[in-house]
N, C-alpha and C. Protein backbone atom coordinates (compact mmCIF):
# COMPACT_ATOMS: atom_id res chain seq x y z
N UNK A 1 0.85 -0.76 0.05
CA UNK A 1 0.24 -0.24 -0.46
C UNK A 1 0.96 1.31 -0.10
N UNK A 2 0.45 1.76 -1.06
CA UNK A 2 1.00 3.50 -1.18
C UNK A 2 1.27 4.57 -0.24
N UNK A 3 1.97 5.13 0.39
CA UNK A 3 1.49 6.24 1.75
C UNK A 3 0.80 7.34 1.66
N UNK A 4 0.40 7.92 0.05
CA UNK A 4 -0.40 8.97 -0.48
C UNK A 4 -1.54 7.67 -0.23
N UNK A 5 -2.09 6.44 -0.04
CA UNK A 5 -3.51 6.03 -0.03
C UNK A 5 -4.12 5.42 1.15
N UNK A 6 -3.14 6.07 2.25
CA UNK A 6 -3.10 5.11 3.64
C UNK A 6 -4.33 6.39 4.10
N UNK A 7 -4.94 5.54 4.95
CA UNK A 7 -5.60 6.32 5.92
C UNK A 7 -5.92 6.97 7.25
N UNK A 8 -6.43 7.14 7.99
CA UNK A 8 -5.87 7.75 9.41
C UNK A 8 -5.26 6.55 10.11
N UNK A 9 -4.15 7.10 10.60
CA UNK A 9 -3.50 6.02 11.38
C UNK A 9 -4.15 6.27 13.43
N UNK A 10 -2.93 5.69 13.91
CA UNK A 10 -2.99 5.23 15.56
C UNK A 10 -2.61 6.88 15.56
N UNK A 11 -2.11 7.20 15.06
CA UNK A 11 -1.33 8.80 15.62
C UNK A 11 -2.06 10.00 14.48
N UNK A 12 -2.52 10.11 13.54
CA UNK A 12 -3.58 10.68 13.32
C UNK A 12 -4.69 10.61 13.90
N UNK A 13 -5.32 9.90 15.31
CA UNK A 13 -6.35 9.83 15.36
C UNK A 13 -5.37 10.26 16.74
N UNK A 14 -4.85 10.08 17.16
CA UNK A 14 -4.36 10.75 18.37
C UNK A 14 -4.17 12.39 18.29
N UNK A 15 -3.99 12.94 16.99
CA UNK A 15 -3.81 14.50 17.01
C UNK A 15 -5.25 14.62 16.78
N UNK A 16 -5.84 13.99 15.89
CA UNK A 16 -7.47 14.41 16.26
C UNK A 16 -8.28 14.72 17.77
N UNK A 17 -7.47 13.65 18.78
CA UNK A 17 -8.14 14.16 19.74
C UNK A 17 -8.15 15.22 20.13
N UNK A 18 -6.55 15.71 20.00
CA UNK A 18 -6.06 17.21 21.04
C UNK A 18 -7.03 18.29 20.16
N UNK A 19 -7.09 18.47 18.54
CA UNK A 19 -7.88 19.20 17.81
C UNK A 19 -9.65 19.22 17.70
N UNK A 20 -10.05 18.12 18.31
CA UNK A 20 -11.36 18.53 18.56
C UNK A 20 -11.21 18.84 20.06
N UNK A 21 -10.72 19.07 21.11
CA UNK A 21 -10.84 20.11 22.53
C UNK A 21 -10.34 21.56 21.60
N UNK A 22 -10.06 22.04 20.92
CA UNK A 22 -9.19 23.08 20.42
C UNK A 22 -10.51 23.90 19.43
N UNK A 23 -10.22 22.76 18.59
CA UNK A 23 -11.73 22.67 17.53
C UNK A 23 -11.08 23.22 16.28
N UNK A 24 -10.18 23.94 16.51
CA UNK A 24 -9.11 24.21 15.22
C UNK A 24 -8.16 25.04 15.46
N UNK A 25 -7.00 24.66 14.50
CA UNK A 25 -5.28 25.29 14.37
C UNK A 25 -4.78 25.45 13.65
N UNK A 26 -4.08 26.09 13.45
CA UNK A 26 -3.43 26.52 12.41
C UNK A 26 -1.91 25.28 12.50
N UNK A 27 -1.73 24.89 11.34
CA UNK A 27 -1.04 23.34 11.73
C UNK A 27 0.46 23.29 12.62
N UNK A 28 0.81 24.45 12.53
CA UNK A 28 2.29 25.09 13.00
C UNK A 28 1.97 23.95 14.89
N UNK A 29 0.77 24.76 15.14
CA UNK A 29 1.01 24.44 16.81
C UNK A 29 0.60 22.90 16.89
N UNK A 30 -0.84 22.17 16.21
CA UNK A 30 -0.55 21.17 15.72
C UNK A 30 0.37 20.03 15.94
N UNK A 31 1.21 20.49 15.16
CA UNK A 31 2.36 19.64 14.52
C UNK A 31 2.99 19.50 16.26
N UNK A 32 3.24 20.86 16.13
CA UNK A 32 4.25 20.95 17.80
C UNK A 32 3.49 20.10 18.50
N UNK A 33 2.42 20.33 19.28
CA UNK A 33 2.26 19.01 20.37
C UNK A 33 2.15 17.59 19.96
N UNK A 34 1.95 17.52 18.58
CA UNK A 34 2.16 16.01 18.24
C UNK A 34 3.61 15.27 18.35
N UNK A 35 4.40 16.23 18.09
CA UNK A 35 5.99 16.07 17.75
C UNK A 35 6.01 15.75 16.75
N UNK A 36 5.11 16.22 15.27
CA UNK A 36 5.62 16.27 14.43
C UNK A 36 6.02 17.03 13.35
N UNK A 37 6.97 16.99 12.03
CA UNK A 37 7.40 17.51 11.35
C UNK A 37 6.83 18.32 10.68
N UNK A 38 6.90 18.70 9.56
CA UNK A 38 5.92 20.04 8.72
C UNK A 38 5.59 18.98 8.23
N UNK A 39 6.23 18.36 6.97
CA UNK A 39 5.95 16.79 6.02
C UNK A 39 4.79 16.27 6.83
N UNK A 40 4.47 16.05 8.12
CA UNK A 40 4.03 14.83 8.75
C UNK A 40 2.90 15.21 9.26
N UNK A 41 3.59 16.66 9.66
CA UNK A 41 2.19 17.37 9.81
C UNK A 41 0.68 17.35 8.72
N UNK A 42 1.08 17.29 7.34
CA UNK A 42 0.38 18.24 6.72
C UNK A 42 0.00 16.47 5.89
N UNK A 43 0.56 15.28 5.85
CA UNK A 43 0.04 14.10 5.74
C UNK A 43 -1.05 13.99 6.64
N UNK A 44 -0.81 14.35 8.01
CA UNK A 44 -1.67 13.91 8.77
C UNK A 44 -2.79 14.75 8.68
N UNK A 45 -2.77 16.13 7.89
CA UNK A 45 -4.10 16.54 7.82
C UNK A 45 -4.60 16.09 7.01
N UNK A 46 -4.11 15.87 5.74
CA UNK A 46 -4.78 15.14 4.22
C UNK A 46 -5.38 13.92 4.37
N UNK A 47 -4.65 12.84 5.48
CA UNK A 47 -4.68 11.79 5.57
C UNK A 47 -6.61 11.90 6.52
N UNK A 48 -6.31 12.78 7.65
CA UNK A 48 -8.57 12.89 8.07
C UNK A 48 -8.62 13.87 7.20
N UNK A 49 -8.23 14.73 6.27
CA UNK A 49 -9.39 15.19 6.06
C UNK A 49 -9.94 14.49 4.27
N UNK A 50 -9.55 13.53 3.93
CA UNK A 50 -10.00 12.67 3.47
C UNK A 50 -11.30 11.46 3.83
N UNK A 51 -11.15 11.13 5.07
CA UNK A 51 -11.55 10.65 6.10
C UNK A 51 -12.64 11.41 6.03
N UNK A 52 -12.67 12.64 6.15
CA UNK A 52 -14.35 13.87 6.25
C UNK A 52 -13.90 14.25 7.56
N UNK A 53 -12.14 14.02 8.54
CA UNK A 53 -12.65 14.08 10.20
C UNK A 53 -12.51 15.20 10.21
N UNK A 54 -11.40 16.22 9.51
CA UNK A 54 -11.45 17.56 9.56
C UNK A 54 -11.61 18.04 8.06
N UNK A 55 -11.14 19.57 8.23
CA UNK A 55 -11.32 20.63 6.89
C UNK A 55 -10.19 21.26 6.62
N UNK A 56 -9.82 21.63 5.69
CA UNK A 56 -8.40 21.96 5.61
C UNK A 56 -8.87 23.88 5.48
N UNK A 57 -9.01 25.10 6.07
CA UNK A 57 -9.36 26.31 5.46
C UNK A 57 -8.25 27.52 5.33
N UNK A 58 -8.98 27.75 4.42
CA UNK A 58 -7.25 28.90 3.87
C UNK A 58 -8.32 30.15 3.99
N UNK A 59 -6.67 31.07 4.88
CA UNK A 59 -7.43 32.74 5.21
C UNK A 59 -6.18 32.88 5.64
N UNK A 60 -5.84 33.45 6.70
CA UNK A 60 -4.99 34.39 7.36
C UNK A 60 -3.85 33.35 7.36
N UNK A 61 -3.36 32.13 6.54
CA UNK A 61 -2.76 31.43 6.75
C UNK A 61 -3.11 29.94 6.96
N UNK A 62 -2.80 28.77 7.11
CA UNK A 62 -4.17 27.43 6.97
C UNK A 62 -4.51 27.66 8.41
N UNK A 63 -6.17 26.89 8.07
CA UNK A 63 -6.42 26.40 9.49
C UNK A 63 -7.17 25.00 9.56
N UNK A 64 -6.94 23.41 10.20
CA UNK A 64 -7.37 23.10 10.17
C UNK A 64 -8.04 22.61 11.29
N UNK A 65 -9.52 22.05 10.68
CA UNK A 65 -10.79 22.67 11.53
C UNK A 65 -11.70 21.20 11.81
N UNK A 66 -11.60 20.48 12.79
CA UNK A 66 -12.46 19.66 13.21
C UNK A 66 -13.48 19.59 12.50
N UNK A 67 -14.42 17.88 12.34
CA UNK A 67 -15.48 18.10 11.45
C UNK A 67 -16.65 17.07 12.61
N UNK A 68 -17.72 17.10 12.24
CA UNK A 68 -18.41 16.88 13.55
C UNK A 68 -18.11 15.03 13.56
N UNK A 69 -18.25 14.80 12.12
CA UNK A 69 -17.42 13.19 12.27
C UNK A 69 -16.15 13.01 13.24
N UNK A 70 -15.32 14.28 12.29
CA UNK A 70 -14.17 13.87 13.55
C UNK A 70 -14.08 14.38 15.30
N UNK A 71 -14.80 15.26 15.52
CA UNK A 71 -15.21 15.13 16.45
C UNK A 71 -15.78 13.85 17.36
N UNK A 72 -16.29 13.20 16.84
CA UNK A 72 -17.41 12.13 17.08
C UNK A 72 -16.55 10.84 17.14
N UNK A 73 -15.58 11.14 16.27
CA UNK A 73 -14.87 9.61 16.44
C UNK A 73 -13.41 9.97 17.79
N UNK A 74 -13.59 11.44 18.22
CA UNK A 74 -12.29 11.78 19.15
C UNK A 74 -13.03 11.34 19.91
N UNK A 75 -14.40 10.72 20.71
CA UNK A 75 -14.88 10.87 21.66
C UNK A 75 -16.17 12.55 22.58
N UNK A 76 -15.60 13.02 21.14
CA UNK A 76 -16.29 13.93 22.02
C UNK A 76 -17.62 14.60 21.20
N UNK A 77 -18.84 15.21 21.84
CA UNK A 77 -20.08 15.49 21.26
C UNK A 77 -19.99 15.94 20.04
N UNK A 78 -20.29 15.65 18.96
CA UNK A 78 -20.63 16.15 17.46
C UNK A 78 -20.78 18.04 17.07
N UNK A 79 -21.36 18.39 18.54
CA UNK A 79 -21.65 20.15 18.38
C UNK A 79 -20.74 20.63 18.54
N UNK A 80 -19.09 20.15 19.35
CA UNK A 80 -17.88 21.02 19.45
C UNK A 80 -17.11 21.54 17.77
N UNK A 81 -17.99 20.57 17.18
CA UNK A 81 -17.03 20.77 15.59
C UNK A 81 -17.76 22.47 15.45
N UNK A 82 -16.69 23.29 14.72
CA UNK A 82 -16.99 24.96 14.37
C UNK A 82 -17.47 24.35 13.14
N UNK A 83 -18.89 25.24 13.08
CA UNK A 83 -19.72 25.24 11.19
C UNK A 83 -18.23 25.97 10.77
N UNK A 84 -17.96 27.15 11.06
CA UNK A 84 -17.09 27.91 10.25
C UNK A 84 -16.02 28.97 11.20
N UNK A 85 -15.26 29.10 10.65
CA UNK A 85 -14.08 30.40 10.99
C UNK A 85 -14.12 31.71 10.13
N UNK A 86 -14.62 32.26 10.66
CA UNK A 86 -15.11 33.91 10.31
C UNK A 86 -13.90 34.67 10.34
N UNK A 87 -13.48 35.38 9.38
CA UNK A 87 -12.37 36.77 9.45
C UNK A 87 -12.29 37.23 10.74
N UNK A 88 -13.34 37.00 11.52
CA UNK A 88 -12.71 38.11 12.71
C UNK A 88 -12.91 36.80 13.64
N UNK A 89 -12.93 36.03 13.82
CA UNK A 89 -12.53 35.33 14.85
C UNK A 89 -11.23 34.78 14.26
N UNK A 90 -10.54 34.68 12.91
CA UNK A 90 -9.66 33.67 12.60
C UNK A 90 -8.55 34.16 13.93
N UNK A 91 -7.90 34.93 14.02
CA UNK A 91 -6.88 35.59 14.94
C UNK A 91 -7.08 34.86 16.44
N UNK A 92 -8.18 35.32 16.85
CA UNK A 92 -8.85 33.82 18.34
C UNK A 92 -8.39 32.56 18.41
N UNK A 93 -8.84 32.26 17.20
CA UNK A 93 -8.71 30.40 17.39
C UNK A 93 -7.45 29.87 17.11
N UNK A 94 -6.33 31.20 16.27
CA UNK A 94 -5.66 30.90 16.05
C UNK A 94 -4.30 30.58 18.11
N UNK A 95 -5.21 31.82 18.62
CA UNK A 95 -4.67 31.94 20.02
C UNK A 95 -5.20 31.52 20.53
N UNK A 96 -5.87 30.48 20.66
CA UNK A 96 -6.71 30.05 21.62
C UNK A 96 -5.61 28.44 21.17
N UNK A 97 -5.57 28.16 20.07
CA UNK A 97 -4.57 27.30 19.46
C UNK A 97 -3.69 27.01 20.44
N UNK A 98 -2.39 28.33 20.02
CA UNK A 98 -1.25 28.42 20.33
C UNK A 98 -1.32 28.20 22.32
N UNK A 99 -2.13 28.63 22.62
CA UNK A 99 -1.80 28.72 24.17
C UNK A 99 -2.37 27.31 24.88
N UNK A 100 -3.27 26.90 23.45
CA UNK A 100 -3.65 25.09 24.12
C UNK A 100 -1.92 24.52 23.89
N UNK A 101 -1.27 24.67 22.82
CA UNK A 101 -0.59 23.92 22.80
C UNK A 101 1.05 24.38 23.53
N UNK A 102 1.41 25.66 24.14
CA UNK A 102 1.66 25.67 24.77
C UNK A 102 1.55 25.25 25.99
N UNK A 103 0.73 25.18 26.70
CA UNK A 103 -0.26 25.13 28.25
C UNK A 103 0.38 23.21 28.33
N UNK A 104 -0.03 22.59 26.84
CA UNK A 104 0.04 21.45 26.72
C UNK A 104 1.48 20.86 26.80
N UNK A 105 1.88 21.44 26.57
CA UNK A 105 3.47 21.30 25.73
C UNK A 105 4.84 20.95 26.86
N UNK A 106 3.89 22.28 28.01
CA UNK A 106 5.14 22.63 29.24
C UNK A 106 4.43 21.38 30.42
N UNK A 107 3.29 20.86 30.32
CA UNK A 107 2.82 19.91 31.22
C UNK A 107 1.83 20.72 31.88
N UNK A 108 0.99 21.47 32.03
CA UNK A 108 -0.07 21.90 32.68
C UNK A 108 -1.51 21.56 32.17
N UNK A 109 -1.71 21.08 33.20
CA UNK A 109 -3.67 20.36 32.74
C UNK A 109 -4.40 21.61 32.33
N UNK A 110 -4.98 21.52 31.07
CA UNK A 110 -5.81 22.85 30.62
C UNK A 110 -6.88 22.26 30.32
N UNK A 111 -8.02 22.92 29.97
CA UNK A 111 -9.68 22.99 29.51
C UNK A 111 -9.66 23.67 28.56
N UNK A 112 -10.59 23.70 27.56
CA UNK A 112 -10.73 24.29 26.27
C UNK A 112 -12.11 25.34 26.07
N UNK A 113 -12.20 25.84 24.87
CA UNK A 113 -12.90 26.54 25.63
C UNK A 113 -14.32 25.86 25.59
N UNK A 114 -14.68 25.59 24.57
CA UNK A 114 -15.90 24.00 24.56
C UNK A 114 -16.46 23.08 26.10
N UNK A 115 -14.82 22.58 26.30
CA UNK A 115 -14.53 22.27 27.78
C UNK A 115 -15.46 23.34 29.14
N UNK A 116 -15.47 24.70 28.98
CA UNK A 116 -15.99 25.17 29.81
C UNK A 116 -17.06 25.76 29.76
N UNK A 117 -17.52 26.03 28.10
CA UNK A 117 -19.29 25.82 27.79
C UNK A 117 -19.75 25.15 28.62
N UNK A 118 -19.51 23.12 28.54
CA UNK A 118 -20.15 22.95 29.90
C UNK A 118 -20.44 22.86 30.84
N UNK A 119 -19.36 23.66 31.57
CA UNK A 119 -20.00 23.81 33.03
C UNK A 119 -20.09 25.42 33.20
N UNK A 120 -21.66 25.26 33.78
CA UNK A 120 -21.76 27.07 34.19
C UNK A 120 -20.84 27.36 35.58
N UNK A 121 -19.94 26.56 36.43
CA UNK A 121 -19.49 27.84 36.72
C UNK A 121 -18.79 28.75 36.40
N UNK A 122 -18.50 28.96 34.96
CA UNK A 122 -17.46 29.53 34.43
C UNK A 122 -18.22 30.57 33.91
N UNK A 123 -19.43 30.57 33.73
CA UNK A 123 -19.99 31.80 32.87
C UNK A 123 -20.60 32.63 34.18
N UNK A 124 -20.53 33.50 33.77
CA UNK A 124 -20.37 35.15 34.39
C UNK A 124 -21.15 36.01 33.50
N UNK A 125 -21.79 37.11 34.03
CA UNK A 125 -22.73 38.24 33.18
C UNK A 125 -21.94 39.56 33.63
N UNK A 126 -21.37 39.85 32.41
CA UNK A 126 -20.87 40.67 31.94
C UNK A 126 -21.60 42.79 31.78
N UNK A 127 -21.77 43.59 32.67
CA UNK A 127 -22.51 44.10 32.63
C UNK A 127 -21.50 45.77 31.83
N UNK A 128 -21.89 46.36 30.67
CA UNK A 128 -21.19 47.48 31.12
C UNK A 128 -22.07 48.74 29.94
N UNK A 129 -21.64 50.02 30.12
CA UNK A 129 -22.38 51.25 29.57
C UNK A 129 -22.13 50.87 28.60
N UNK A 130 -22.54 51.80 27.83
CA UNK A 130 -22.72 52.00 26.04
C UNK A 130 -23.61 53.55 26.09
N UNK A 131 -23.79 53.41 24.88
CA UNK A 131 -24.62 54.81 23.98
C UNK A 131 -26.26 54.32 24.11
N UNK A 132 -26.34 53.02 24.44
CA UNK A 132 -27.67 52.89 24.32
C UNK A 132 -28.00 52.32 25.69
N UNK A 133 -27.01 52.31 26.61
CA UNK A 133 -27.41 52.24 28.15
C UNK A 133 -26.29 51.07 28.77
N UNK A 134 -27.13 50.63 29.40
CA UNK A 134 -26.60 49.32 30.08
C UNK A 134 -26.90 48.09 29.76
N UNK A 135 -25.69 47.11 29.15
CA UNK A 135 -26.04 45.32 27.93
C UNK A 135 -25.23 44.71 29.45
N UNK A 136 -25.96 43.34 28.76
CA UNK A 136 -25.59 42.53 30.48
C UNK A 136 -25.56 41.45 29.11
N UNK A 137 -24.53 40.89 29.30
CA UNK A 137 -23.68 39.86 27.93
C UNK A 137 -23.04 38.89 29.37
N UNK A 138 -23.38 37.14 28.70
CA UNK A 138 -22.63 35.61 29.54
C UNK A 138 -21.27 36.22 28.58
N UNK A 139 -20.45 35.78 29.78
CA UNK A 139 -18.91 35.15 29.04
C UNK A 139 -18.61 34.66 29.90
N UNK A 140 -17.41 33.66 29.03
CA UNK A 140 -17.16 32.76 29.68
C UNK A 140 -15.63 33.03 29.39
N UNK A 141 -14.53 32.32 30.00
CA UNK A 141 -13.16 32.50 30.15
C UNK A 141 -12.89 31.31 28.69
N UNK A 142 -11.72 31.91 27.59
CA UNK A 142 -11.61 31.35 26.28
C UNK A 142 -10.77 29.63 26.69
N UNK A 143 -9.88 30.01 28.04
CA UNK A 143 -9.43 28.45 28.79
C UNK A 143 -9.09 28.29 29.93
N UNK A 144 -8.46 27.40 30.17
CA UNK A 144 -8.04 27.45 32.22
C UNK A 144 -7.15 26.57 32.03
N UNK A 145 -5.97 26.55 33.19
CA UNK A 145 -4.91 25.95 32.76
C UNK A 145 -4.87 25.86 34.07
N UNK A 146 -4.34 24.86 35.13
CA UNK A 146 -3.80 24.31 36.42
C UNK A 146 -2.60 23.91 36.11
N UNK A 147 -1.88 23.84 36.95
CA UNK A 147 -0.18 23.89 37.92
C UNK A 147 -0.38 21.93 37.07
N UNK A 148 0.57 20.91 36.96
CA UNK A 148 1.13 19.57 37.00
C UNK A 148 0.53 19.01 38.30
N UNK A 149 0.22 19.67 39.19
CA UNK A 149 0.02 18.93 40.42
C UNK A 149 -0.96 20.01 40.88
N UNK A 150 -2.20 20.35 39.98
CA UNK A 150 -3.25 20.53 40.72
C UNK A 150 -4.18 19.39 41.23
N UNK A 151 -5.02 19.82 42.19
CA UNK A 151 -5.54 18.80 42.66
C UNK A 151 -6.94 19.22 42.62
N UNK A 152 -8.18 18.05 41.77
CA UNK A 152 -9.17 18.46 41.76
C UNK A 152 -9.57 19.69 40.45
N UNK A 153 -11.39 19.02 40.25
CA UNK A 153 -11.14 19.81 39.00
C UNK A 153 -10.99 21.64 38.40
N UNK A 154 -11.05 22.00 39.98
CA UNK A 154 -11.24 23.71 40.00
C UNK A 154 -9.75 23.62 40.53
N UNK A 155 -9.22 22.86 41.21
CA UNK A 155 -7.86 23.54 42.60
C UNK A 155 -6.67 23.98 41.49
N UNK A 156 -6.30 25.13 41.98
CA UNK A 156 -4.89 25.63 41.33
C UNK A 156 -5.61 26.17 40.08
N UNK A 157 -6.46 26.53 39.75
CA UNK A 157 -6.42 27.02 38.07
C UNK A 157 -6.71 28.67 37.96
N UNK A 158 -6.41 28.50 36.91
CA UNK A 158 -6.08 30.19 35.73
C UNK A 158 -7.21 30.13 34.88
N UNK A 159 -7.77 30.95 34.71
CA UNK A 159 -8.58 31.53 33.46
C UNK A 159 -7.46 32.44 32.87
N UNK A 160 -8.02 31.58 31.12
CA UNK A 160 -6.90 32.45 30.72
C UNK A 160 -8.21 33.52 29.35
N UNK A 161 -8.04 34.70 28.93
CA UNK A 161 -8.79 34.70 28.43
C UNK A 161 -8.20 35.97 27.51
N UNK A 162 -8.63 35.34 25.83
CA UNK A 162 -7.69 36.17 24.76
C UNK A 162 -8.67 37.04 24.42
N UNK A 163 -10.17 37.30 24.48
CA UNK A 163 -10.86 37.72 23.81
C UNK A 163 -10.56 39.62 24.37
N UNK A 164 -9.67 40.24 25.31
CA UNK A 164 -9.50 41.35 25.44
C UNK A 164 -8.01 41.68 25.45
N UNK A 165 -7.46 41.68 23.64
CA UNK A 165 -6.27 42.04 23.48
C UNK A 165 -5.88 42.96 23.62
N UNK A 166 -4.48 43.78 23.51
CA UNK A 166 -4.60 44.75 24.38
C UNK A 166 -4.49 46.28 23.22
N UNK A 167 -4.96 45.71 21.55
CA UNK A 167 -5.27 46.59 20.87
C UNK A 167 -6.60 47.10 21.46
N UNK A 168 -7.47 45.92 22.35
CA UNK A 168 -8.78 46.56 22.44
C UNK A 168 -8.32 47.82 23.86
N UNK A 169 -7.77 47.61 24.43
CA UNK A 169 -7.56 48.85 25.72
C UNK A 169 -7.29 49.62 25.09
N UNK A 170 -6.43 49.21 24.08
CA UNK A 170 -5.85 51.15 23.85
C UNK A 170 -6.63 51.72 23.19
N UNK A 171 -7.55 50.83 22.53
CA UNK A 171 -8.82 51.71 21.50
C UNK A 171 -9.46 52.21 22.33
N UNK A 172 -10.12 51.69 23.73
CA UNK A 172 -10.64 52.30 24.81
C UNK A 172 -9.47 53.36 25.05
N UNK A 173 -8.60 53.48 25.70
CA UNK A 173 -7.78 54.97 26.46
C UNK A 173 -8.17 55.52 25.03
N UNK A 174 -7.64 55.28 23.54
CA UNK A 174 -7.90 56.96 22.59
C UNK A 174 -9.45 57.00 22.98
N UNK A 175 -10.25 56.35 22.95
CA UNK A 175 -11.83 56.84 23.04
C UNK A 175 -12.24 57.84 24.33
N UNK A 176 -11.56 57.45 25.49
CA UNK A 176 -11.26 58.34 26.81
C UNK A 176 -10.73 59.85 26.39
N UNK A 177 -8.98 59.61 25.73
CA UNK A 177 -8.75 60.50 24.98
C UNK A 177 -9.57 62.05 24.14
N UNK A 178 -9.86 61.33 23.42
CA UNK A 178 -11.09 62.13 23.02
C UNK A 178 -12.41 62.79 23.33
N UNK A 179 -12.56 61.87 24.13
CA UNK A 179 -13.95 62.38 25.36
C UNK A 179 -13.25 63.83 25.90
N UNK A 180 -12.19 63.30 26.75
CA UNK A 180 -11.55 64.84 27.61
C UNK A 180 -11.19 65.47 26.62
N UNK A 181 -10.32 65.35 25.25
CA UNK A 181 -10.66 66.71 24.48
C UNK A 181 -11.35 67.34 24.38
N UNK A 182 -12.48 66.70 24.00
CA UNK A 182 -14.08 67.39 23.79
C UNK A 182 -14.67 68.35 24.47
N UNK A 183 -14.46 67.81 25.88
CA UNK A 183 -14.96 68.27 27.16
C UNK A 183 -13.96 69.50 27.25
N UNK A 184 -12.83 69.51 27.26
CA UNK A 184 -11.74 70.43 27.57
C UNK A 184 -12.42 72.22 26.06
N UNK A 185 -12.95 71.17 25.45
CA UNK A 185 -12.79 72.53 23.73
C UNK A 185 -14.03 73.10 24.40
N UNK A 186 -14.96 72.14 24.24
CA UNK A 186 -16.33 72.69 25.26
C UNK A 186 -16.16 73.72 26.13
N UNK A 187 -16.19 73.43 27.18
CA UNK A 187 -15.26 74.80 28.17
C UNK A 187 -14.56 75.95 27.77
N UNK A 188 -13.82 75.64 27.02
CA UNK A 188 -13.08 76.51 26.46
C UNK A 188 -14.23 77.38 25.42
N UNK A 189 -15.11 76.65 24.75
CA UNK A 189 -16.10 77.55 24.27
C UNK A 189 -17.44 78.57 24.77
N UNK A 190 -16.98 77.77 26.12
CA UNK A 190 -18.32 78.57 26.74
C UNK A 190 -17.11 79.77 27.72
């Protein structure tokens, strides 16, 4: 049997298990977690795609996205499969994959965004003021990590949230500066 006609094997399915927890990943962190080189990573992605367990998405780089069949094969609910990755969420999905890979490679226990969505403990209502009034939205951390010696499900765990990057904070700071300048101009006119 030639190498190109082989279906997904044991190592491909082990890689699928991590990918099903994350949902989607660039090829590099997926290969690092599984100790694969670049060519081998592409080969596993191709085999899993041919079996209908993942799909390759191109945009700002490549993403390997688990399908419903792939999530089910890895032992997770089919609902964990991402239907699509929009350009607005591409960076978030990539960042989550890189953080999950970093945590796993350093021996930390970690829980993905999909796992946290199953646990009501992590759901919080966030309230904020905007031009329309007070808004209330549900919020969960992006991922959760624990030290290698952590005991219990939530013992010594730290929540990681990748949804509020520094650029968003800088945007808020700029808006506050603009408001102050406008207030000063209005005061000078009076």
